[in-house]
Amino acid sequence: MPPVMIVTGGSQGIGAAVARLGAARGYAVALTYQSNRALADAVVKDIEAAGGRALAIQAEMADEASILAMFRVVDEAFGPVTVLVNNAGGPGPTCKLDDVTSAILDQVLAVNVRAPFLLIREAAARMATDRGGKGGAIVNVSSRAAELGGAGEWVHYAASKGALDSLTIGASKELAPRGIRVNAVSPGLIETDLHARAGLPDRLTRLVSGVPMGRTGSAEEVAEAVLWLASDAASYISGAIVPISGAR
């Protein structure tokens, strides 16, 4: 049986790139989506056309029962997870700190912090060598916003990704003796439709001048880093947060 990769939010952007590359590297890929079944099915179709195995699962990351149900589906279809990629997340609305409401915080923290925590917990229960598992790797998709702060636009998002970085470090220390590596990638300005969906279609153009390399990055470049961290080539790396930002 091939190793099993779960990619949350795998229907578009970075998640879709990770799912496609993971399948190309020999993983059976289970990708989750929130609502757009057509996008998820398109990724599955691409993977299957290339000879890989894939499954799209509707899952609501803000709901623990939905996360647990997703793991049960993967267990039955492919077997225990080998690699978990915590990619699903969202920035919430763009606004200044003064305008951030409790509802916005609840939404952003539920998806960007609570969900990865629960997903790591469930993956560890299946991977941990002290529970009969074979070990595994977890890669969290953070953001350079965690260090840059998101001032004037996404302080709430930046704070949630800062929490994800802390979770990465803590989980890496706790799970290392149990055969599980935990790392994160920290993308900067990446060519996805996240910015347009947030109502800022010109954001990449506006900010690219601040990137020392002089260009934006691609979802495929992020995917390469994720797959490397998940692979045996990174077997002695855990607790790392890798910036993918052109030195920004």
C-alpha atoms as a PDB file:
ATOM      1  CA  MET A   1       0.000   0.000   0.000  1.00  0.00           C
ATOM      2  CA  PRO A   2       1.304   3.498  -0.809  1.00  0.00           C
ATOM      3  CA  PRO A   3       1.955   5.991   1.984  1.00  0.00           C
ATOM      4  CA  VAL A   4      -1.031   8.190   2.766  1.00  0.00           C
ATOM      5  CA  MET A   5      -1.084  11.992   2.671  1.00  0.00           C
ATOM      6  CA  ILE A   6      -3.905  14.171   3.963  1.00  0.00           C
ATOM      7  CA  VAL A   7      -3.978  17.718   2.586  1.00  0.00           C
ATOM      8  CA  THR A   8      -6.561  19.976   4.179  1.00  0.00           C
ATOM      9  CA  GLY A   9      -7.859  22.698   1.894  1.00  0.00           C
ATOM     10  CA  GLY A  10      -6.515  20.734  -1.050  1.00  0.00           C
ATOM     11  CA  SER A  11      -8.904  21.907  -3.747  1.00  0.00           C
ATOM     12  CA  GLN A  12      -7.066  25.066  -4.807  1.00  0.00           C
ATOM     13  CA  GLY A  13      -3.946  27.177  -4.413  1.00  0.00           C
ATOM     14  CA  ILE A  14      -1.104  25.787  -2.316  1.00  0.00           C
ATOM     15  CA  GLY A  15      -3.186  22.827  -1.163  1.00  0.00           C
ATOM     16  CA  ALA A  16      -3.943  21.692  -4.701  1.00  0.00           C
ATOM     17  CA  ALA A  17      -0.272  22.018  -5.665  1.00  0.00           C
ATOM     18  CA  VAL A  18       0.729  19.926  -2.643  1.00  0.00           C
ATOM     19  CA  ALA A  19      -1.902  17.284  -3.440  1.00  0.00           C
ATOM     20  CA  ARG A  20      -0.779  16.948  -7.055  1.00  0.00           C
ATOM     21  CA  LEU A  21       2.907  16.803  -6.175  1.00  0.00           C
ATOM     22  CA  GLY A  22       2.281  14.382  -3.315  1.00  0.00           C
ATOM     23  CA  ALA A  23       0.485  12.023  -5.666  1.00  0.00           C
ATOM     24  CA  ALA A  24       3.315  12.331  -8.182  1.00  0.00           C
ATOM     25  CA  ARG A  25       5.745  11.334  -5.403  1.00  0.00           C
ATOM     26  CA  GLY A  26       3.785   8.151  -4.697  1.00  0.00           C
ATOM     27  CA  TYR A  27       1.297   9.085  -1.980  1.00  0.00           C
ATOM     28  CA  ALA A  28      -2.358   8.152  -1.914  1.00  0.00           C
ATOM     29  CA  VAL A  29      -3.810  11.604  -1.339  1.00  0.00           C
ATOM     30  CA  ALA A  30      -6.926  12.524   0.620  1.00  0.00           C
ATOM     31  CA  LEU A  31      -7.730  16.190   0.135  1.00  0.00           C
ATOM     32  CA  THR A  32     -10.402  18.109   1.977  1.00  0.00           C
ATOM     33  CA  TYR A  33     -12.563  20.927   0.708  1.00  0.00           C
ATOM     34  CA  GLN A  34     -15.158  23.099   2.403  1.00  0.00           C
ATOM     35  CA  SER A  35     -17.780  23.769  -0.269  1.00  0.00           C
ATOM     36  CA  ASN A  36     -16.485  23.770  -3.853  1.00  0.00           C
ATOM     37  CA  ARG A  37     -16.788  20.138  -4.887  1.00  0.00           C
ATOM     38  CA  ALA A  38     -16.010  20.912  -8.529  1.00  0.00           C
ATOM     39  CA  LEU A  39     -12.546  22.270  -7.719  1.00  0.00           C
ATOM     40  CA  ALA A  40     -11.774  19.287  -5.486  1.00  0.00           C
ATOM     41  CA  ASP A  41     -12.969  16.826  -8.112  1.00  0.00           C
ATOM     42  CA  ALA A  42     -10.756  18.518 -10.707  1.00  0.00           C
ATOM     43  CA  VAL A  43      -7.671  17.913  -8.545  1.00  0.00           C
ATOM     44  CA  VAL A  44      -8.673  14.277  -8.010  1.00  0.00           C
ATOM     45  CA  LYS A  45      -9.231  13.857 -11.747  1.00  0.00           C
ATOM     46  CA  ASP A  46      -5.781  15.266 -12.525  1.00  0.00           C
ATOM     47  CA  ILE A  47      -4.158  12.898 -10.036  1.00  0.00           C
ATOM     48  CA  GLU A  48      -6.014   9.858 -11.311  1.00  0.00           C
ATOM     49  CA  ALA A  49      -5.259  10.757 -14.942  1.00  0.00           C
ATOM     50  CA  ALA A  50      -1.568  10.683 -14.025  1.00  0.00           C
ATOM     51  CA  GLY A  51      -1.955   7.216 -12.493  1.00  0.00           C
ATOM     52  CA  GLY A  52      -2.252   8.242  -8.856  1.00  0.00           C
ATOM     53  CA  ARG A  53      -4.829   7.613  -6.148  1.00  0.00           C
ATOM     54  CA  ALA A  54      -6.855  10.433  -4.630  1.00  0.00           C
ATOM     55  CA  LEU A  55     -10.021  11.103  -2.694  1.00  0.00           C
ATOM     56  CA  ALA A  56     -11.866  14.375  -2.047  1.00  0.00           C
ATOM     57  CA  ILE A  57     -13.646  14.703   1.299  1.00  0.00           C
ATOM     58  CA  GLN A  58     -15.965  17.515   2.302  1.00  0.00           C
ATOM     59  CA  ALA A  59     -14.943  18.658   5.773  1.00  0.00           C
ATOM     60  CA  GLU A  60     -15.607  21.731   7.886  1.00  0.00           C
ATOM     61  CA  MET A  61     -12.389  22.615   9.691  1.00  0.00           C
ATOM     62  CA  ALA A  62     -14.222  24.646  12.326  1.00  0.00           C
ATOM     63  CA  ASP A  63     -16.163  21.538  13.389  1.00  0.00           C
ATOM     64  CA  GLU A  64     -14.470  18.784  15.411  1.00  0.00           C
ATOM     65  CA  ALA A  65     -17.039  16.153  14.431  1.00  0.00           C
ATOM     66  CA  SER A  66     -16.330  16.845  10.757  1.00  0.00           C
ATOM     67  CA  ILE A  67     -12.585  16.435  11.317  1.00  0.00           C
ATOM     68  CA  LEU A  68     -13.108  13.123  13.106  1.00  0.00           C
ATOM     69  CA  ALA A  69     -15.379  11.908  10.316  1.00  0.00           C
ATOM     70  CA  MET A  70     -12.739  12.837   7.730  1.00  0.00           C
ATOM     71  CA  PHE A  71     -10.132  10.690   9.475  1.00  0.00           C
ATOM     72  CA  ARG A  72     -12.535   7.755   9.570  1.00  0.00           C
ATOM     73  CA  VAL A  73     -13.078   8.038   5.808  1.00  0.00           C
ATOM     74  CA  VAL A  74      -9.325   8.121   5.163  1.00  0.00           C
ATOM     75  CA  ASP A  75      -8.708   5.173   7.506  1.00  0.00           C
ATOM     76  CA  GLU A  76     -11.223   3.090   5.605  1.00  0.00           C
ATOM     77  CA  ALA A  77     -10.227   4.159   2.098  1.00  0.00           C
ATOM     78  CA  PHE A  78      -6.435   4.304   2.339  1.00  0.00           C
ATOM     79  CA  GLY A  79      -5.333   3.255   5.829  1.00  0.00           C
ATOM     80  CA  PRO A  80      -3.509   5.256   8.506  1.00  0.00           C
ATOM     81  CA  VAL A  81      -2.144   8.649   7.552  1.00  0.00           C
ATOM     82  CA  THR A  82       1.606   8.905   6.876  1.00  0.00           C
ATOM     83  CA  VAL A  83       1.850  12.650   6.203  1.00  0.00           C
ATOM     84  CA  LEU A  84      -0.544  15.374   7.341  1.00  0.00           C
ATOM     85  CA  VAL A  85      -0.388  18.760   5.620  1.00  0.00           C
ATOM     86  CA  ASN A  86      -2.334  21.374   7.564  1.00  0.00           C
ATOM     87  CA  ASN A  87      -3.043  23.798   4.751  1.00  0.00           C
ATOM     88  CA  ALA A  88      -6.691  24.813   5.235  1.00  0.00           C
ATOM     89  CA  GLY A  89      -7.090  28.281   6.649  1.00  0.00           C
ATOM     90  CA  GLY A  90      -8.275  31.754   5.931  1.00  0.00           C
ATOM     91  CA  PRO A  91      -7.290  35.345   6.661  1.00  0.00           C
ATOM     92  CA  GLY A  92     -10.734  36.598   7.530  1.00  0.00           C
ATOM     93  CA  PRO A  93     -11.826  40.042   6.344  1.00  0.00           C
ATOM     94  CA  THR A  94      -9.273  42.786   5.843  1.00  0.00           C
ATOM     95  CA  CYS A  95      -9.651  45.421   8.523  1.00  0.00           C
ATOM     96  CA  LYS A  96      -7.739  47.390  11.101  1.00  0.00           C
ATOM     97  CA  LEU A  97      -7.385  46.122  14.640  1.00  0.00           C
ATOM     98  CA  ASP A  98     -10.039  48.566  15.864  1.00  0.00           C
ATOM     99  CA  ASP A  99     -12.637  46.820  13.708  1.00  0.00           C
ATOM    100  CA  VAL A 100     -11.878  43.199  14.577  1.00  0.00           C
ATOM    101  CA  THR A 101     -14.907  41.665  16.256  1.00  0.00           C
ATOM    102  CA  SER A 102     -15.228  38.606  18.452  1.00  0.00           C
ATOM    103  CA  ALA A 103     -16.977  36.867  15.567  1.00  0.00           C
ATOM    104  CA  ILE A 104     -14.002  37.496  13.279  1.00  0.00           C
ATOM    105  CA  LEU A 105     -11.601  36.184  15.909  1.00  0.00           C
ATOM    106  CA  ASP A 106     -13.712  33.105  16.524  1.00  0.00           C
ATOM    107  CA  GLN A 107     -13.810  32.339  12.804  1.00  0.00           C
ATOM    108  CA  VAL A 108     -10.093  32.834  12.146  1.00  0.00           C
ATOM    109  CA  LEU A 109      -8.833  31.080  15.276  1.00  0.00           C
ATOM    110  CA  ALA A 110     -11.170  28.116  14.814  1.00  0.00           C
ATOM    111  CA  VAL A 111      -9.843  27.345  11.337  1.00  0.00           C
ATOM    112  CA  ASN A 112      -6.219  28.496  11.656  1.00  0.00           C
ATOM    113  CA  VAL A 113      -5.406  27.304  15.187  1.00  0.00           C
ATOM    114  CA  ARG A 114      -7.989  24.955  16.675  1.00  0.00           C
ATOM    115  CA  ALA A 115      -8.364  22.845  13.537  1.00  0.00           C
ATOM    116  CA  PRO A 116      -4.614  22.188  13.077  1.00  0.00           C
ATOM    117  CA  PHE A 117      -4.383  21.318  16.769  1.00  0.00           C
ATOM    118  CA  LEU A 118      -7.188  18.745  16.451  1.00  0.00           C
ATOM    119  CA  LEU A 119      -5.796  17.410  13.177  1.00  0.00           C
ATOM    120  CA  ILE A 120      -2.355  16.941  14.736  1.00  0.00           C
ATOM    121  CA  ARG A 121      -3.931  15.179  17.685  1.00  0.00           C
ATOM    122  CA  GLU A 122      -5.787  12.736  15.459  1.00  0.00           C
ATOM    123  CA  ALA A 123      -2.826  12.165  13.136  1.00  0.00           C
ATOM    124  CA  ALA A 124      -0.524  11.516  16.106  1.00  0.00           C
ATOM    125  CA  ALA A 125      -2.925   8.907  17.447  1.00  0.00           C
ATOM    126  CA  ARG A 126      -2.419   6.998  14.197  1.00  0.00           C
ATOM    127  CA  MET A 127       1.282   7.712  13.592  1.00  0.00           C
ATOM    128  CA  ALA A 128       2.815   7.433  17.064  1.00  0.00           C
ATOM    129  CA  THR A 129       5.139   4.472  17.501  1.00  0.00           C
ATOM    130  CA  ASP A 130       4.093   4.081  21.135  1.00  0.00           C
ATOM    131  CA  ARG A 131       0.537   3.481  19.921  1.00  0.00           C
ATOM    132  CA  GLY A 132       1.423   0.929  17.286  1.00  0.00           C
ATOM    133  CA  GLY A 133       1.974   3.402  14.447  1.00  0.00           C
ATOM    134  CA  LYS A 134       4.904   3.607  12.060  1.00  0.00           C
ATOM    135  CA  GLY A 135       5.745   7.264  12.662  1.00  0.00           C
ATOM    136  CA  GLY A 136       5.085  10.044  10.208  1.00  0.00           C
ATOM    137  CA  ALA A 137       5.467  13.700   9.336  1.00  0.00           C
ATOM    138  CA  ILE A 138       3.295  16.757   9.789  1.00  0.00           C
ATOM    139  CA  VAL A 139       3.764  19.978   7.828  1.00  0.00           C
ATOM    140  CA  ASN A 140       1.832  23.086   8.810  1.00  0.00           C
ATOM    141  CA  VAL A 141       1.283  25.864   6.289  1.00  0.00           C
ATOM    142  CA  SER A 142       1.907  29.066   8.216  1.00  0.00           C
ATOM    143  CA  SER A 143       2.548  32.536   6.799  1.00  0.00           C
ATOM    144  CA  ARG A 144       5.191  35.246   6.855  1.00  0.00           C
ATOM    145  CA  ALA A 145       2.420  37.347   8.375  1.00  0.00           C
ATOM    146  CA  ALA A 146       3.274  35.684  11.688  1.00  0.00           C
ATOM    147  CA  GLU A 147       6.504  37.702  11.796  1.00  0.00           C
ATOM    148  CA  LEU A 148       5.497  40.707   9.705  1.00  0.00           C
ATOM    149  CA  GLY A 149       2.363  41.306  11.773  1.00  0.00           C
ATOM    150  CA  GLY A 150      -0.281  42.097   9.146  1.00  0.00           C
ATOM    151  CA  ALA A 151      -0.685  45.675  10.363  1.00  0.00           C
ATOM    152  CA  GLY A 152      -3.594  47.567   8.847  1.00  0.00           C
ATOM    153  CA  GLU A 153      -5.021  44.520   7.090  1.00  0.00           C
ATOM    154  CA  TRP A 154      -4.768  41.190   8.880  1.00  0.00           C
ATOM    155  CA  VAL A 155      -3.444  41.452  12.433  1.00  0.00           C
ATOM    156  CA  HIS A 156      -5.973  38.766  13.398  1.00  0.00           C
ATOM    157  CA  TYR A 157      -4.654  36.458  10.677  1.00  0.00           C
ATOM    158  CA  ALA A 158      -1.033  37.151  11.606  1.00  0.00           C
ATOM    159  CA  ALA A 159      -1.761  36.366  15.252  1.00  0.00           C
ATOM    160  CA  SER A 160      -3.362  33.054  14.294  1.00  0.00           C
ATOM    161  CA  LYS A 161      -0.323  32.073  12.232  1.00  0.00           C
ATOM    162  CA  GLY A 162       1.941  33.052  15.120  1.00  0.00           C
ATOM    163  CA  ALA A 163      -0.022  30.590  17.221  1.00  0.00           C
ATOM    164  CA  LEU A 164       0.432  27.952  14.506  1.00  0.00           C
ATOM    165  CA  ASP A 165       4.198  28.518  14.613  1.00  0.00           C
ATOM    166  CA  SER A 166       4.167  27.980  18.379  1.00  0.00           C
ATOM    167  CA  LEU A 167       2.092  24.830  17.916  1.00  0.00           C
ATOM    168  CA  THR A 168       4.646  23.589  15.380  1.00  0.00           C
ATOM    169  CA  ILE A 169       7.523  24.060  17.801  1.00  0.00           C
ATOM    170  CA  GLY A 170       5.740  22.551  20.801  1.00  0.00           C
ATOM    171  CA  ALA A 171       4.336  19.584  18.906  1.00  0.00           C
ATOM    172  CA  SER A 172       7.724  18.860  17.340  1.00  0.00           C
ATOM    173  CA  LYS A 173       9.304  18.499  20.790  1.00  0.00           C
ATOM    174  CA  GLU A 174       6.480  16.417  22.229  1.00  0.00           C
ATOM    175  CA  LEU A 175       6.063  14.091  19.262  1.00  0.00           C
ATOM    176  CA  ALA A 176       9.710  13.547  18.288  1.00  0.00           C
ATOM    177  CA  PRO A 177      10.194  10.654  20.770  1.00  0.00           C
ATOM    178  CA  ARG A 178       7.083   9.042  19.287  1.00  0.00           C
ATOM    179  CA  GLY A 179       8.425   8.917  15.722  1.00  0.00           C
ATOM    180  CA  ILE A 180       6.675  12.006  14.365  1.00  0.00           C
ATOM    181  CA  ARG A 181       8.346  15.050  12.832  1.00  0.00           C
ATOM    182  CA  VAL A 182       6.511  18.400  12.815  1.00  0.00           C
ATOM    183  CA  ASN A 183       7.597  21.317  10.661  1.00  0.00           C
ATOM    184  CA  ALA A 184       6.047  24.329   8.956  1.00  0.00           C
ATOM    185  CA  VAL A 185       6.452  26.347   5.805  1.00  0.00           C
ATOM    186  CA  SER A 186       5.929  30.090   5.970  1.00  0.00           C
ATOM    187  CA  PRO A 187       4.909  31.423   2.536  1.00  0.00           C
ATOM    188  CA  GLY A 188       5.102  35.083   1.650  1.00  0.00           C
ATOM    189  CA  LEU A 189       3.575  36.633  -1.457  1.00  0.00           C
ATOM    190  CA  ILE A 190       2.397  33.615  -3.425  1.00  0.00           C
ATOM    191  CA  GLU A 191       0.431  33.631  -6.689  1.00  0.00           C
ATOM    192  CA  THR A 192      -2.917  32.223  -5.578  1.00  0.00           C
ATOM    193  CA  ASP A 193      -6.426  33.641  -5.643  1.00  0.00           C
ATOM    194  CA  LEU A 194      -6.467  34.191  -1.861  1.00  0.00           C
ATOM    195  CA  HIS A 195      -5.848  37.907  -2.293  1.00  0.00           C
ATOM    196  CA  ALA A 196      -8.596  38.355  -4.866  1.00  0.00           C
ATOM    197  CA  ARG A 197     -11.039  36.376  -2.729  1.00  0.00           C
ATOM    198  CA  ALA A 198     -10.207  38.696   0.159  1.00  0.00           C
ATOM    199  CA  GLY A 199     -11.078  41.712  -1.986  1.00  0.00           C
ATOM    200  CA  LEU A 200      -7.467  42.753  -2.632  1.00  0.00           C
ATOM    201  CA  PRO A 201      -6.777  41.696  -6.231  1.00  0.00           C
ATOM    202  CA  ASP A 202      -3.855  44.142  -6.559  1.00  0.00           C
ATOM    203  CA  ARG A 203      -2.137  43.156  -3.297  1.00  0.00           C
ATOM    204  CA  LEU A 204       0.680  41.139  -4.871  1.00  0.00           C
ATOM    205  CA  THR A 205       1.461  43.893  -7.368  1.00  0.00           C
ATOM    206  CA  ARG A 206       1.360  46.491  -4.615  1.00  0.00           C
ATOM    207  CA  LEU A 207       3.733  44.656  -2.274  1.00  0.00           C
ATOM    208  CA  VAL A 208       6.134  42.861  -4.619  1.00  0.00           C
ATOM    209  CA  SER A 209       8.559  45.797  -4.556  1.00  0.00           C
ATOM    210  CA  GLY A 210       9.324  44.825  -0.966  1.00  0.00           C
ATOM    211  CA  VAL A 211      10.537  41.357  -1.973  1.00  0.00           C
ATOM    212  CA  PRO A 212      14.353  41.331  -2.308  1.00  0.00           C
ATOM    213  CA  MET A 213      14.173  38.661  -5.032  1.00  0.00           C
ATOM    214  CA  GLY A 214      11.910  41.001  -7.011  1.00  0.00           C
ATOM    215  CA  ARG A 215       9.097  38.560  -7.721  1.00  0.00           C
ATOM    216  CA  THR A 216       6.221  36.657  -6.187  1.00  0.00           C
ATOM    217  CA  GLY A 217       6.339  32.915  -5.570  1.00  0.00           C
ATOM    218  CA  SER A 218       4.249  30.080  -6.938  1.00  0.00           C
ATOM    219  CA  ALA A 219       2.123  27.471  -5.201  1.00  0.00           C
ATOM    220  CA  GLU A 220       4.344  24.828  -6.790  1.00  0.00           C
ATOM    221  CA  GLU A 221       7.427  26.299  -5.099  1.00  0.00           C
ATOM    222  CA  VAL A 222       5.690  26.015  -1.742  1.00  0.00           C
ATOM    223  CA  ALA A 223       4.623  22.450  -2.548  1.00  0.00           C
ATOM    224  CA  GLU A 224       8.212  21.432  -3.248  1.00  0.00           C
ATOM    225  CA  ALA A 225       9.233  22.601   0.227  1.00  0.00           C
ATOM    226  CA  VAL A 226       6.299  20.795   1.836  1.00  0.00           C
ATOM    227  CA  LEU A 227       7.138  17.524   0.106  1.00  0.00           C
ATOM    228  CA  TRP A 228      10.792  17.865   1.055  1.00  0.00           C
ATOM    229  CA  LEU A 229       9.943  18.386   4.718  1.00  0.00           C
ATOM    230  CA  ALA A 230       7.652  15.350   4.565  1.00  0.00           C
ATOM    231  CA  SER A 231      10.322  13.161   2.966  1.00  0.00           C
ATOM    232  CA  ASP A 232      13.159  11.086   4.350  1.00  0.00           C
ATOM    233  CA  ALA A 233      15.535  13.704   2.930  1.00  0.00           C
ATOM    234  CA  ALA A 234      14.505  15.841   5.923  1.00  0.00           C
ATOM    235  CA  SER A 235      14.656  12.960   8.417  1.00  0.00           C
ATOM    236  CA  TYR A 236      16.597  14.930  11.069  1.00  0.00           C
ATOM    237  CA  ILE A 237      14.553  18.104  10.755  1.00  0.00           C
ATOM    238  CA  SER A 238      11.732  18.845  13.163  1.00  0.00           C
ATOM    239  CA  GLY A 239      10.519  22.090  14.674  1.00  0.00           C
ATOM    240  CA  ALA A 240      11.641  24.121  11.646  1.00  0.00           C
ATOM    241  CA  ILE A 241       9.620  26.974  10.189  1.00  0.00           C
ATOM    242  CA  VAL A 242      10.868  27.472   6.643  1.00  0.00           C
ATOM    243  CA  PRO A 243      10.267  30.895   5.056  1.00  0.00           C
ATOM    244  CA  ILE A 244       9.314  30.777   1.380  1.00  0.00           C
ATOM    245  CA  SER A 245       9.270  34.465   0.669  1.00  0.00           C
ATOM    246  CA  GLY A 246      12.086  35.598  -1.606  1.00  0.00           C
ATOM    247  CA  ALA A 247      13.930  36.936   1.491  1.00  0.00           C
ATOM    248  CA  ARG A 248      11.020  39.179   2.493  1.00  0.00           C
END
